[in-house]
Amino acid sequence: MRTTVEITDEQHRALSAVAQRRGQRGFSQLVQEAIEAYLRDLDTDEVGLLLGLAGTLDEPEEREVRSRIEAARATWRAS
């Protein structure tokens, strides 16, 4: 599945360098490995709880959450 992930220029350079050393054209495989390691290290109860929340918001709640996420991302990008 394709998705967009925002990373810093420094992270991009570092990932590209590691991928190049591995003989890979891009760093998708590195990102997949990092996500797998992160999920493996999470408390399994937490993962189950988060997955169980899918579909629990109604449309107004979803819009509110999305709005807050975008505001937080904008603040983070500005810093």
N, C-alpha and C. Protein backbone atom coordinates (compact mmCIF):
# COMPACT_ATOMS: atom_id res chain seq x y z
N MET A 1 0.84 -1.17 0.00
CA MET A 1 0.00 0.00 0.00
C MET A 1 0.90 1.24 0.00
N ARG A 2 0.51 2.20 -0.77
CA ARG A 2 1.25 3.46 -0.82
C ARG A 2 0.66 4.43 0.20
N THR A 3 1.54 5.24 0.78
CA THR A 3 1.10 6.29 1.68
C THR A 3 2.15 7.39 1.66
N THR A 4 1.81 8.53 2.21
CA THR A 4 2.75 9.63 2.28
C THR A 4 3.20 9.78 3.73
N VAL A 5 4.50 9.85 3.92
CA VAL A 5 5.08 10.04 5.25
C VAL A 5 6.00 11.24 5.15
N GLU A 6 5.85 12.17 6.06
CA GLU A 6 6.71 13.35 6.05
C GLU A 6 7.92 13.10 6.93
N ILE A 7 9.09 13.31 6.36
CA ILE A 7 10.35 13.16 7.08
C ILE A 7 11.20 14.40 6.82
N THR A 8 12.20 14.58 7.64
CA THR A 8 13.09 15.73 7.47
C THR A 8 14.07 15.46 6.33
N ASP A 9 14.71 16.51 5.87
CA ASP A 9 15.74 16.35 4.83
C ASP A 9 16.87 15.46 5.34
N GLU A 10 17.23 15.64 6.60
CA GLU A 10 18.31 14.84 7.18
C GLU A 10 17.93 13.36 7.22
N GLN A 11 16.69 13.06 7.60
CA GLN A 11 16.23 11.67 7.62
C GLN A 11 16.22 11.09 6.20
N HIS A 12 15.80 11.89 5.24
CA HIS A 12 15.78 11.44 3.85
C HIS A 12 17.19 11.09 3.38
N ARG A 13 18.14 11.97 3.67
CA ARG A 13 19.53 11.71 3.26
C ARG A 13 20.07 10.44 3.91
N ALA A 14 19.79 10.29 5.21
CA ALA A 14 20.30 9.12 5.94
C ALA A 14 19.68 7.83 5.39
N LEU A 15 18.36 7.83 5.19
CA LEU A 15 17.71 6.64 4.66
C LEU A 15 18.20 6.31 3.25
N SER A 16 18.38 7.33 2.44
CA SER A 16 18.87 7.11 1.08
C SER A 16 20.27 6.51 1.10
N ALA A 17 21.11 6.98 2.01
CA ALA A 17 22.48 6.46 2.12
C ALA A 17 22.46 4.99 2.54
N VAL A 18 21.64 4.65 3.51
CA VAL A 18 21.55 3.25 3.96
C VAL A 18 21.03 2.38 2.82
N ALA A 19 19.99 2.83 2.14
CA ALA A 19 19.44 2.06 1.03
C ALA A 19 20.49 1.85 -0.06
N GLN A 20 21.23 2.90 -0.35
CA GLN A 20 22.26 2.80 -1.39
C GLN A 20 23.32 1.78 -1.00
N ARG A 21 23.73 1.79 0.28
CA ARG A 21 24.72 0.81 0.74
C ARG A 21 24.19 -0.62 0.62
N ARG A 22 22.89 -0.78 0.74
CA ARG A 22 22.26 -2.10 0.61
C ARG A 22 21.99 -2.46 -0.85
N GLY A 23 22.24 -1.52 -1.75
CA GLY A 23 21.99 -1.78 -3.16
C GLY A 23 20.53 -1.62 -3.55
N GLN A 24 19.77 -0.86 -2.75
CA GLN A 24 18.36 -0.63 -3.03
C GLN A 24 18.19 0.75 -3.64
N ARG A 25 17.23 0.87 -4.56
CA ARG A 25 17.00 2.16 -5.21
C ARG A 25 16.31 3.15 -4.30
N GLY A 26 15.36 2.72 -3.52
CA GLY A 26 14.62 3.59 -2.61
C GLY A 26 14.74 3.05 -1.20
N PHE A 27 14.01 3.68 -0.30
CA PHE A 27 14.11 3.22 1.09
C PHE A 27 12.79 2.70 1.65
N SER A 28 11.90 2.27 0.78
CA SER A 28 10.63 1.69 1.23
C SER A 28 10.86 0.48 2.12
N GLN A 29 11.78 -0.38 1.74
CA GLN A 29 12.06 -1.58 2.54
C GLN A 29 12.55 -1.20 3.93
N LEU A 30 13.36 -0.16 4.02
CA LEU A 30 13.85 0.29 5.32
C LEU A 30 12.70 0.78 6.20
N VAL A 31 11.78 1.52 5.60
CA VAL A 31 10.63 2.03 6.35
C VAL A 31 9.76 0.87 6.81
N GLN A 32 9.55 -0.11 5.95
CA GLN A 32 8.76 -1.28 6.33
C GLN A 32 9.42 -2.02 7.51
N GLU A 33 10.73 -2.18 7.46
CA GLU A 33 11.45 -2.84 8.54
C GLU A 33 11.32 -2.05 9.84
N ALA A 34 11.40 -0.74 9.75
CA ALA A 34 11.29 0.11 10.95
C ALA A 34 9.89 0.00 11.55
N ILE A 35 8.87 -0.01 10.70
CA ILE A 35 7.50 -0.13 11.19
C ILE A 35 7.29 -1.49 11.86
N GLU A 36 7.79 -2.54 11.22
CA GLU A 36 7.66 -3.87 11.81
C GLU A 36 8.34 -3.93 13.18
N ALA A 37 9.52 -3.37 13.29
CA ALA A 37 10.24 -3.36 14.58
C ALA A 37 9.46 -2.56 15.62
N TYR A 38 8.91 -1.44 15.22
CA TYR A 38 8.14 -0.60 16.14
C TYR A 38 6.91 -1.35 16.64
N LEU A 39 6.16 -1.95 15.72
CA LEU A 39 4.96 -2.68 16.09
C LEU A 39 5.29 -3.90 16.96
N ARG A 40 6.39 -4.55 16.68
CA ARG A 40 6.81 -5.71 17.46
C ARG A 40 7.11 -5.31 18.90
N ASP A 41 7.65 -4.10 19.08
CA ASP A 41 8.03 -3.62 20.40
C ASP A 41 6.86 -3.04 21.20
N LEU A 42 5.75 -2.75 20.53
CA LEU A 42 4.59 -2.21 21.23
C LEU A 42 3.97 -3.26 22.14
N ASP A 43 3.35 -2.80 23.18
CA ASP A 43 2.57 -3.66 24.05
C ASP A 43 1.41 -4.22 23.21
N THR A 44 1.27 -5.53 23.14
CA THR A 44 0.23 -6.12 22.29
C THR A 44 -1.17 -5.70 22.72
N ASP A 45 -1.38 -5.44 24.00
CA ASP A 45 -2.69 -4.95 24.45
C ASP A 45 -2.98 -3.58 23.83
N GLU A 46 -1.95 -2.75 23.73
CA GLU A 46 -2.12 -1.42 23.15
C GLU A 46 -2.50 -1.53 21.67
N VAL A 47 -1.83 -2.40 20.94
CA VAL A 47 -2.13 -2.57 19.52
C VAL A 47 -3.57 -3.05 19.35
N GLY A 48 -3.98 -4.02 20.14
CA GLY A 48 -5.35 -4.52 20.05
C GLY A 48 -6.36 -3.44 20.36
N LEU A 49 -6.06 -2.64 21.36
CA LEU A 49 -6.95 -1.54 21.72
C LEU A 49 -7.08 -0.56 20.55
N LEU A 50 -5.96 -0.18 19.97
CA LEU A 50 -5.98 0.77 18.87
C LEU A 50 -6.72 0.21 17.65
N LEU A 51 -6.46 -1.05 17.33
CA LEU A 51 -7.15 -1.65 16.18
C LEU A 51 -8.65 -1.78 16.45
N GLY A 52 -9.01 -1.98 17.70
CA GLY A 52 -10.41 -2.10 18.06
C GLY A 52 -11.18 -0.79 17.95
N LEU A 53 -10.47 0.32 17.86
CA LEU A 53 -11.12 1.63 17.76
C LEU A 53 -11.57 1.95 16.33
N ALA A 54 -11.16 1.17 15.37
CA ALA A 54 -11.51 1.43 13.97
C ALA A 54 -13.02 1.52 13.82
N GLY A 55 -13.48 2.62 13.21
CA GLY A 55 -14.89 2.80 12.92
C GLY A 55 -15.74 3.27 14.09
N THR A 56 -15.11 3.70 15.18
CA THR A 56 -15.89 4.08 16.36
C THR A 56 -16.30 5.55 16.37
N LEU A 57 -15.76 6.36 15.49
CA LEU A 57 -16.12 7.77 15.46
C LEU A 57 -17.22 8.02 14.44
N ASP A 58 -18.14 8.92 14.78
CA ASP A 58 -19.11 9.32 13.77
C ASP A 58 -18.46 10.43 12.93
N GLU A 59 -19.12 10.88 11.88
CA GLU A 59 -18.52 11.83 10.94
C GLU A 59 -18.09 13.14 11.60
N PRO A 60 -18.91 13.78 12.43
CA PRO A 60 -18.46 15.02 13.07
C PRO A 60 -17.23 14.80 13.96
N GLU A 61 -17.19 13.68 14.68
CA GLU A 61 -16.03 13.38 15.52
C GLU A 61 -14.79 13.15 14.65
N GLU A 62 -14.98 12.46 13.54
CA GLU A 62 -13.86 12.22 12.64
C GLU A 62 -13.31 13.54 12.09
N ARG A 63 -14.19 14.44 11.68
CA ARG A 63 -13.74 15.75 11.16
C ARG A 63 -12.97 16.51 12.24
N GLU A 64 -13.45 16.46 13.47
CA GLU A 64 -12.77 17.15 14.58
C GLU A 64 -11.38 16.57 14.82
N VAL A 65 -11.28 15.25 14.84
CA VAL A 65 -9.98 14.60 15.06
C VAL A 65 -9.04 14.94 13.91
N ARG A 66 -9.52 14.85 12.68
CA ARG A 66 -8.67 15.17 11.53
C ARG A 66 -8.20 16.62 11.58
N SER A 67 -9.09 17.52 11.98
CA SER A 67 -8.74 18.93 12.10
C SER A 67 -7.64 19.13 13.14
N ARG A 68 -7.77 18.48 14.27
CA ARG A 68 -6.75 18.61 15.32
C ARG A 68 -5.42 18.01 14.89
N ILE A 69 -5.46 16.90 14.17
CA ILE A 69 -4.22 16.29 13.67
C ILE A 69 -3.53 17.23 12.70
N GLU A 70 -4.29 17.79 11.78
CA GLU A 70 -3.70 18.71 10.80
C GLU A 70 -3.12 19.95 11.50
N ALA A 71 -3.80 20.46 12.51
CA ALA A 71 -3.29 21.62 13.25
C ALA A 71 -1.99 21.26 13.96
N ALA A 72 -1.94 20.07 14.54
CA ALA A 72 -0.71 19.63 15.21
C ALA A 72 0.43 19.46 14.22
N ARG A 73 0.12 18.89 13.05
CA ARG A 73 1.15 18.72 12.02
C ARG A 73 1.66 20.07 11.54
N ALA A 74 0.77 21.02 11.36
CA ALA A 74 1.18 22.37 10.91
C ALA A 74 2.08 23.01 11.93
N THR A 75 1.75 22.85 13.21
CA THR A 75 2.58 23.40 14.27
C THR A 75 3.96 22.74 14.28
N TRP A 76 3.97 21.41 14.11
CA TRP A 76 5.21 20.67 14.11
C TRP A 76 6.10 21.08 12.92
N ARG A 77 5.49 21.22 11.75
CA ARG A 77 6.24 21.61 10.55
C ARG A 77 6.84 23.00 10.71
N ALA A 78 6.12 23.90 11.38
CA ALA A 78 6.58 25.27 11.54
C ALA A 78 7.77 25.38 12.49
N SER A 79 7.95 24.39 13.33
CA SER A 79 9.05 24.47 14.31
C SER A 79 10.32 23.86 13.80
